[in-house]
Amino acid sequence: MREAIAHAEVGDDVYAEDPLANELEARAAALLGHEAGLFCPTGSMTNMLGVRVLVAPGQELLCDSMAHVVRAELGGHAVLGQVTTRTWVSERGRFSADQALEMAVPDAGPYFVSTAAIAVENTHNFGGGTVQSIDELKSLRAGAEALGVAVHLDGARLFNAHVATGVPMSEYGAVADTVSICLSKGLGAPIGSVLVGSAERIAQARVWRKRYGGGMRQVGVLAAAGLHALDHHVERLADDHARARRIATAVAAAAPQVVDPADVETNIVVLDLPGAVGESPAADVVRLAAERGVRVGALGTRTVRVVTHLDVDDAGTDRACDVLPAVVTDVLSRSS
């Protein structure tokens, strides 16, 4: 990947003159069965642009309460897109088409907010790498089309879902009007996401990208990394999934109440720690694990997220399998 970056041919992407950015956009669009693509620095930007071209100011986006678009994009959809959101509650982020469609009010009249789009996340980050059912996604697509409501797919880890299930990327792409995919997660690129959709919507998104400060110049050095990732780093995601299950199994052997390895479908392990009000066992686990050379993240006071990716090899996995069970049991013993 570094070699590809060093030898990247570049041009000015603001004028659509960067050959590798153009190639990456076209390839991503074709992969997902859409007309056009737009390369952006981050998945948050592709999500905000995807929603922006589907939802007019004052209209609403429906999504689940743990979705990245409402939990981890700093209110950008409201601040920049003037979009309101309404959410449903799901178990581990698992999606139900009926639940979403029953909430949709596409023509709410002059007193209520009209639904313009529904967003689904696959895999679901805060749900623990949950893979969404392709049948549910297809049901959503059919129901949304009947209502005149659009669909945005936050596919930051869509390649993980593809590798875990064997469902073609184009089949996932067909369930949504706009799709965001990340190259900087398990695929290992240093930066970058691509939004795909119709040629008309992507043209609109390109204007909004510039307004949001995302116009880039000689971006081929980054697009080259993304192209290399698509060529070499997709099928290896299966290794990340296997390593995540190894870690979950090791922790469950020591503290079965914290994680069920059967819940680990892809590359994310969520540890749910018991604790009293005012306690923060998650922070304790993060701190103690870091002291022993394992970096994990806290999602709130009682939840720890463990993620495997390109830079976590078998030796790193072995270390996590040694350190995390000991750290978790240590923290649990202090709170008991």
Protein backbone atom coordinates (compact mmCIF):
# COMPACT_ATOMS: atom_id res chain seq x y z
CA MET A 1 0.00 0.00 0.00
CA ARG A 2 2.83 2.41 0.83
CA GLU A 3 4.41 1.57 -2.53
CA ALA A 4 1.13 2.38 -4.29
CA ILE A 5 0.93 5.69 -2.44
CA ALA A 6 4.52 6.58 -3.36
CA HIS A 7 3.90 6.00 -7.06
CA ALA A 8 0.39 7.46 -7.28
CA GLU A 9 -0.49 9.52 -10.33
CA VAL A 10 -2.28 12.67 -9.18
CA GLY A 11 -4.37 15.56 -10.46
CA ASP A 12 -6.72 18.16 -9.03
CA ASP A 13 -9.78 16.41 -7.62
CA VAL A 14 -11.74 19.65 -7.18
CA TYR A 15 -11.80 19.75 -10.98
CA ALA A 16 -12.33 15.96 -11.22
CA GLU A 17 -8.83 15.65 -12.70
CA ASP A 18 -7.31 13.18 -10.27
CA PRO A 19 -7.16 9.89 -12.20
CA LEU A 20 -6.94 7.58 -9.20
CA ALA A 21 -9.74 9.33 -7.32
CA ASN A 22 -11.88 9.02 -10.44
CA GLU A 23 -10.97 5.34 -10.76
CA LEU A 24 -11.76 4.65 -7.11
CA GLU A 25 -15.13 6.40 -7.33
CA ALA A 26 -16.10 4.51 -10.48
CA ARG A 27 -14.96 1.19 -9.07
CA ALA A 28 -16.84 1.63 -5.80
CA ALA A 29 -19.99 2.60 -7.67
CA ALA A 30 -19.76 -0.42 -9.97
CA LEU A 31 -19.05 -2.73 -7.02
CA LEU A 32 -22.29 -1.63 -5.36
CA GLY A 33 -24.35 -1.41 -8.54
CA HIS A 34 -24.73 2.38 -8.57
CA GLU A 35 -24.03 5.01 -11.19
CA ALA A 36 -21.45 7.21 -9.49
CA GLY A 37 -19.25 7.63 -6.44
CA LEU A 38 -17.65 10.41 -4.40
CA PHE A 39 -14.39 10.03 -2.45
CA CYS A 40 -14.35 11.77 0.94
CA PRO A 41 -11.96 11.95 3.89
CA THR A 42 -14.28 10.25 6.41
CA GLY A 43 -17.30 8.02 6.82
CA SER A 44 -19.02 10.72 8.83
CA MET A 45 -18.78 13.00 5.80
CA THR A 46 -20.12 10.38 3.38
CA ASN A 47 -22.97 9.66 5.77
CA MET A 48 -23.82 13.34 6.13
CA LEU A 49 -23.66 13.88 2.37
CA GLY A 50 -25.71 10.77 1.66
CA VAL A 51 -28.42 11.88 4.05
CA ARG A 52 -28.19 15.50 2.85
CA VAL A 53 -29.13 14.61 -0.73
CA LEU A 54 -32.07 12.47 0.46
CA VAL A 55 -33.51 14.58 3.26
CA ALA A 56 -34.46 18.24 2.81
CA PRO A 57 -34.10 20.70 5.72
CA GLY A 58 -36.95 20.22 8.16
CA GLN A 59 -37.64 16.63 7.15
CA GLU A 60 -36.74 13.60 9.23
CA LEU A 61 -34.40 10.63 9.05
CA LEU A 62 -35.39 7.43 10.86
CA CYS A 63 -32.71 5.14 12.34
CA ASP A 64 -32.05 3.03 15.41
CA SER A 65 -31.05 4.64 18.68
CA MET A 66 -27.47 3.28 18.58
CA ALA A 67 -26.82 4.22 14.95
CA HIS A 68 -23.53 5.95 14.14
CA VAL A 69 -25.40 8.70 12.28
CA VAL A 70 -27.08 9.88 15.49
CA ARG A 71 -24.60 8.80 18.15
CA ALA A 72 -21.15 9.44 16.74
CA GLU A 73 -21.29 12.22 14.15
CA LEU A 74 -21.54 15.09 16.63
CA GLY A 75 -25.00 16.19 15.52
CA GLY A 76 -23.70 17.00 12.05
CA HIS A 77 -26.95 16.05 10.34
CA ALA A 78 -28.81 18.57 12.48
CA VAL A 79 -26.13 21.27 12.47
CA LEU A 80 -25.23 21.16 8.77
CA GLY A 81 -28.18 19.46 7.11
CA GLN A 82 -30.98 20.83 9.32
CA VAL A 83 -32.29 17.26 9.49
CA THR A 84 -34.38 16.01 12.38
CA THR A 85 -34.14 12.39 13.49
CA ARG A 86 -36.43 9.87 15.15
CA THR A 87 -35.20 6.51 16.40
CA TRP A 88 -36.31 3.02 17.28
CA VAL A 89 -34.70 0.75 19.89
CA SER A 90 -33.11 -2.48 18.69
CA GLU A 91 -31.37 -5.45 20.27
CA ARG A 92 -27.65 -5.23 19.46
CA GLY A 93 -28.51 -3.01 16.51
CA ARG A 94 -30.36 -5.79 14.70
CA PHE A 95 -32.70 -4.30 12.16
CA SER A 96 -36.40 -5.01 11.56
CA ALA A 97 -37.95 -3.62 8.39
CA ASP A 98 -41.47 -3.62 9.86
CA GLN A 99 -40.33 -1.63 12.90
CA ALA A 100 -38.80 1.07 10.71
CA LEU A 101 -41.60 1.21 8.16
CA GLU A 102 -44.31 1.46 10.83
CA MET A 103 -42.66 4.67 12.07
CA ALA A 104 -42.48 6.32 8.65
CA VAL A 105 -44.86 9.21 7.95
CA PRO A 106 -43.89 10.42 4.47
CA ASP A 107 -46.55 13.12 4.20
CA ALA A 108 -47.23 14.35 7.71
CA GLY A 109 -48.97 17.58 6.72
CA PRO A 110 -48.39 21.07 8.13
CA TYR A 111 -48.17 20.14 11.82
CA PHE A 112 -45.76 17.21 11.96
CA VAL A 113 -42.38 16.26 10.52
CA SER A 114 -42.44 14.24 7.30
CA THR A 115 -40.19 11.20 6.91
CA ALA A 116 -37.82 11.48 3.95
CA ALA A 117 -35.40 8.61 4.53
CA ILE A 118 -34.50 5.62 6.70
CA ALA A 119 -30.88 4.84 7.59
CA VAL A 120 -29.56 1.35 8.34
CA GLU A 121 -26.05 0.43 9.51
CA ASN A 122 -24.35 -2.76 8.32
CA THR A 123 -22.43 -4.06 10.13
CA HIS A 124 -23.66 -2.29 13.22
CA ASN A 125 -20.80 -0.70 15.12
CA PHE A 126 -22.22 -0.18 18.59
CA GLY A 127 -24.30 -3.35 18.30
CA GLY A 128 -21.03 -5.25 18.21
CA GLY A 129 -20.42 -5.82 14.52
CA THR A 130 -23.93 -7.19 13.97
CA VAL A 131 -24.67 -8.26 10.39
CA GLN A 132 -28.06 -7.14 9.11
CA SER A 133 -30.31 -9.68 7.41
CA ILE A 134 -30.34 -9.23 3.64
CA ASP A 135 -33.99 -10.32 3.64
CA GLU A 136 -34.89 -7.55 6.11
CA LEU A 137 -32.97 -5.04 4.02
CA LYS A 138 -34.83 -6.10 0.90
CA SER A 139 -38.13 -5.83 2.75
CA LEU A 140 -37.19 -2.33 3.83
CA ARG A 141 -36.34 -1.36 0.27
CA ALA A 142 -39.66 -2.62 -1.08
CA GLY A 143 -41.67 -0.99 1.70
CA ALA A 144 -39.80 2.30 1.49
CA GLU A 145 -40.30 2.51 -2.27
CA ALA A 146 -44.04 1.94 -1.80
CA LEU A 147 -44.11 4.83 0.69
CA GLY A 148 -41.93 7.14 -1.38
CA VAL A 149 -39.24 7.11 1.31
CA ALA A 150 -35.51 6.85 0.51
CA VAL A 151 -32.96 4.54 2.16
CA HIS A 152 -29.38 5.35 3.19
CA LEU A 153 -27.04 2.47 4.02
CA ASP A 154 -24.20 3.27 6.39
CA GLY A 155 -21.84 0.57 5.17
CA ALA A 156 -18.72 1.61 7.04
CA ARG A 157 -18.10 -2.12 7.60
CA LEU A 158 -20.15 -3.44 4.69
CA PHE A 159 -17.19 -5.47 3.46
CA ASN A 160 -17.21 -7.29 6.81
CA ALA A 161 -20.85 -8.19 6.25
CA HIS A 162 -20.03 -9.34 2.71
CA VAL A 163 -17.18 -11.59 3.87
CA ALA A 164 -19.18 -12.98 6.80
CA THR A 165 -22.25 -13.86 4.73
CA GLY A 166 -21.12 -14.22 1.13
CA VAL A 167 -23.83 -11.77 0.05
CA PRO A 168 -22.47 -9.85 -2.98
CA MET A 169 -21.72 -6.18 -2.49
CA SER A 170 -24.04 -5.35 -5.39
CA GLU A 171 -26.90 -7.09 -3.59
CA TYR A 172 -26.29 -4.93 -0.54
CA GLY A 173 -26.00 -1.87 -2.77
CA ALA A 174 -29.38 -2.55 -4.33
CA VAL A 175 -31.23 -2.01 -1.04
CA ALA A 176 -30.41 1.70 -0.75
CA ASP A 177 -30.46 4.99 -2.65
CA THR A 178 -27.14 6.07 -1.17
CA VAL A 179 -24.43 3.87 0.35
CA SER A 180 -21.37 4.89 2.33
CA ILE A 181 -18.38 2.52 2.51
CA CYS A 182 -15.18 3.02 4.50
CA LEU A 183 -11.71 2.07 3.32
CA SER A 184 -9.99 2.93 6.60
CA LYS A 185 -11.54 0.26 8.84
CA GLY A 186 -10.59 -3.37 8.34
CA LEU A 187 -9.43 -2.64 4.79
CA GLY A 188 -6.47 -0.78 6.25
CA ALA A 189 -6.29 2.40 4.16
CA PRO A 190 -4.99 5.41 6.12
CA ILE A 191 -8.01 7.52 5.27
CA GLY A 192 -11.07 7.63 3.08
CA SER A 193 -14.67 6.65 2.41
CA VAL A 194 -16.77 6.58 -0.74
CA LEU A 195 -20.42 7.56 -1.15
CA VAL A 196 -22.27 5.95 -4.06
CA GLY A 197 -25.66 6.67 -5.59
CA SER A 198 -27.26 7.95 -8.76
CA ALA A 199 -25.28 10.29 -10.98
CA GLU A 200 -27.66 13.12 -10.08
CA ARG A 201 -27.40 12.61 -6.33
CA ILE A 202 -23.62 12.26 -6.41
CA ALA A 203 -23.37 15.49 -8.40
CA GLN A 204 -25.36 17.19 -5.64
CA ALA A 205 -23.19 15.56 -2.98
CA ARG A 206 -20.05 16.84 -4.73
CA VAL A 207 -21.31 20.41 -4.35
CA TRP A 208 -22.11 19.82 -0.70
CA ARG A 209 -18.72 18.20 -0.12
CA LYS A 210 -17.12 21.46 -1.22
CA ARG A 211 -19.47 23.45 1.04
CA TYR A 212 -18.57 21.23 3.97
CA GLY A 213 -14.86 21.88 3.36
CA GLY A 214 -14.18 18.46 1.84
CA GLY A 215 -12.88 19.50 -1.59
CA MET A 216 -9.45 17.91 -2.08
CA ARG A 217 -6.60 18.49 -4.51
CA GLN A 218 -3.92 15.86 -5.31
CA VAL A 219 -5.85 13.17 -3.51
CA GLY A 220 -4.56 10.31 -5.66
CA VAL A 221 -2.03 9.49 -2.95
CA LEU A 222 -5.00 8.50 -0.77
CA ALA A 223 -7.11 6.98 -3.53
CA ALA A 224 -4.17 4.71 -4.38
CA ALA A 225 -4.34 3.28 -0.87
CA GLY A 226 -8.07 2.69 -1.26
CA LEU A 227 -7.61 0.89 -4.57
CA HIS A 228 -4.88 -1.28 -3.06
CA ALA A 229 -7.20 -2.13 -0.18
CA LEU A 230 -9.95 -3.23 -2.56
CA ASP A 231 -7.45 -5.42 -4.43
CA HIS A 232 -5.75 -7.04 -1.44
CA HIS A 233 -7.58 -6.57 1.86
CA VAL A 234 -11.17 -7.72 1.43
CA GLU A 235 -11.02 -11.49 1.80
CA ARG A 236 -8.54 -11.21 4.69
CA LEU A 237 -11.34 -9.71 6.81
CA ALA A 238 -12.21 -13.33 7.63
CA ASP A 239 -9.00 -13.40 9.69
CA ASP A 240 -10.23 -10.43 11.73
CA HIS A 241 -13.53 -12.20 12.38
CA ALA A 242 -11.78 -15.36 13.57
CA ARG A 243 -9.45 -13.40 15.84
CA ALA A 244 -12.36 -11.49 17.38
CA ARG A 245 -14.10 -14.77 18.20
CA ARG A 246 -10.89 -16.06 19.80
CA ILE A 247 -10.75 -13.02 22.06
CA ALA A 248 -14.43 -13.30 22.98
CA THR A 249 -14.01 -17.00 23.78
CA ALA A 250 -11.04 -16.27 26.02
CA VAL A 251 -12.88 -13.56 27.95
CA ALA A 252 -16.03 -15.66 28.22
CA ALA A 253 -14.06 -18.53 29.73
CA ALA A 254 -13.07 -16.23 32.59
CA ALA A 255 -16.21 -14.07 32.80
CA PRO A 256 -19.16 -15.61 30.90
CA GLN A 257 -21.51 -12.88 32.11
CA VAL A 258 -19.54 -10.26 30.17
CA VAL A 259 -19.68 -11.62 26.61
CA ASP A 260 -21.25 -14.44 24.62
CA PRO A 261 -18.92 -15.56 21.80
CA ALA A 262 -21.98 -16.55 19.75
CA ASP A 263 -22.80 -12.83 19.48
CA VAL A 264 -19.51 -12.08 17.71
CA GLU A 265 -20.38 -12.16 14.01
CA THR A 266 -17.54 -10.09 12.58
CA ASN A 267 -14.59 -8.11 13.99
CA ILE A 268 -16.07 -6.38 17.04
CA VAL A 269 -16.35 -7.74 20.57
CA VAL A 270 -18.52 -5.87 23.07
CA LEU A 271 -17.89 -6.50 26.76
CA ASP A 272 -20.87 -5.60 28.97
CA LEU A 273 -19.65 -5.04 32.51
CA PRO A 274 -21.88 -4.95 35.59
CA GLY A 275 -21.51 -1.95 37.84
CA ALA A 276 -23.33 0.29 40.27
CA VAL A 277 -24.49 3.82 39.47
CA GLY A 278 -21.52 6.16 39.49
CA GLU A 279 -18.99 3.43 38.80
CA SER A 280 -17.06 3.18 35.53
CA PRO A 281 -15.75 -0.36 35.16
CA ALA A 282 -15.22 0.20 31.44
CA ALA A 283 -12.68 2.95 32.12
CA ASP A 284 -10.88 0.65 34.56
CA VAL A 285 -10.65 -2.12 31.95
CA VAL A 286 -9.35 0.31 29.32
CA ARG A 287 -6.71 1.69 31.68
CA LEU A 288 -5.49 -1.66 33.01
CA ALA A 289 -5.42 -3.24 29.55
CA ALA A 290 -3.38 -0.32 28.19
CA GLU A 291 -0.88 -0.74 31.01
CA ARG A 292 -0.38 -4.32 29.79
CA GLY A 293 -0.05 -3.42 26.13
CA VAL A 294 -3.59 -3.97 24.85
CA ARG A 295 -5.61 -1.00 23.58
CA VAL A 296 -9.41 -1.18 23.77
CA GLY A 297 -12.08 1.52 23.95
CA ALA A 298 -14.88 2.44 26.34
CA LEU A 299 -18.40 3.07 25.05
CA GLY A 300 -19.97 4.60 28.12
CA THR A 301 -19.33 3.57 31.71
CA ARG A 302 -20.01 -0.18 31.45
CA THR A 303 -19.26 -1.16 27.87
CA VAL A 304 -15.86 -1.93 26.34
CA ARG A 305 -15.35 -2.35 22.58
CA VAL A 306 -12.59 -4.60 21.26
CA VAL A 307 -11.87 -4.38 17.52
CA THR A 308 -9.65 -6.58 15.37
CA HIS A 309 -8.26 -5.16 12.12
CA LEU A 310 -5.38 -5.25 9.67
CA ASP A 311 -2.79 -4.28 12.29
CA VAL A 312 -3.81 -6.98 14.79
CA ASP A 313 -1.96 -10.20 13.95
CA ASP A 314 -1.97 -13.59 15.66
CA ALA A 315 0.62 -12.47 18.20
CA GLY A 316 -1.48 -9.43 19.11
CA THR A 317 -4.54 -11.63 19.40
CA ASP A 318 -2.65 -14.01 21.71
CA ARG A 319 -1.70 -11.07 23.89
CA ALA A 320 -5.30 -9.85 24.06
CA CYS A 321 -6.44 -13.37 24.94
CA ASP A 322 -3.98 -13.37 27.84
CA VAL A 323 -4.50 -9.83 29.09
CA LEU A 324 -8.22 -9.14 28.76
CA PRO A 325 -9.58 -12.09 30.78
CA ALA A 326 -7.24 -11.20 33.64
CA VAL A 327 -8.12 -7.51 33.50
CA VAL A 328 -11.87 -8.13 33.32
CA THR A 329 -11.87 -10.55 36.24
CA ASP A 330 -9.73 -8.12 38.24
CA VAL A 331 -12.20 -5.27 37.64
CA LEU A 332 -15.20 -7.48 38.38
CA SER A 333 -13.67 -8.65 41.67
CA ARG A 334 -13.24 -5.04 42.78
CA SER A 335 -16.89 -4.21 42.18
CA SER A 336 -18.30 -7.37 43.76
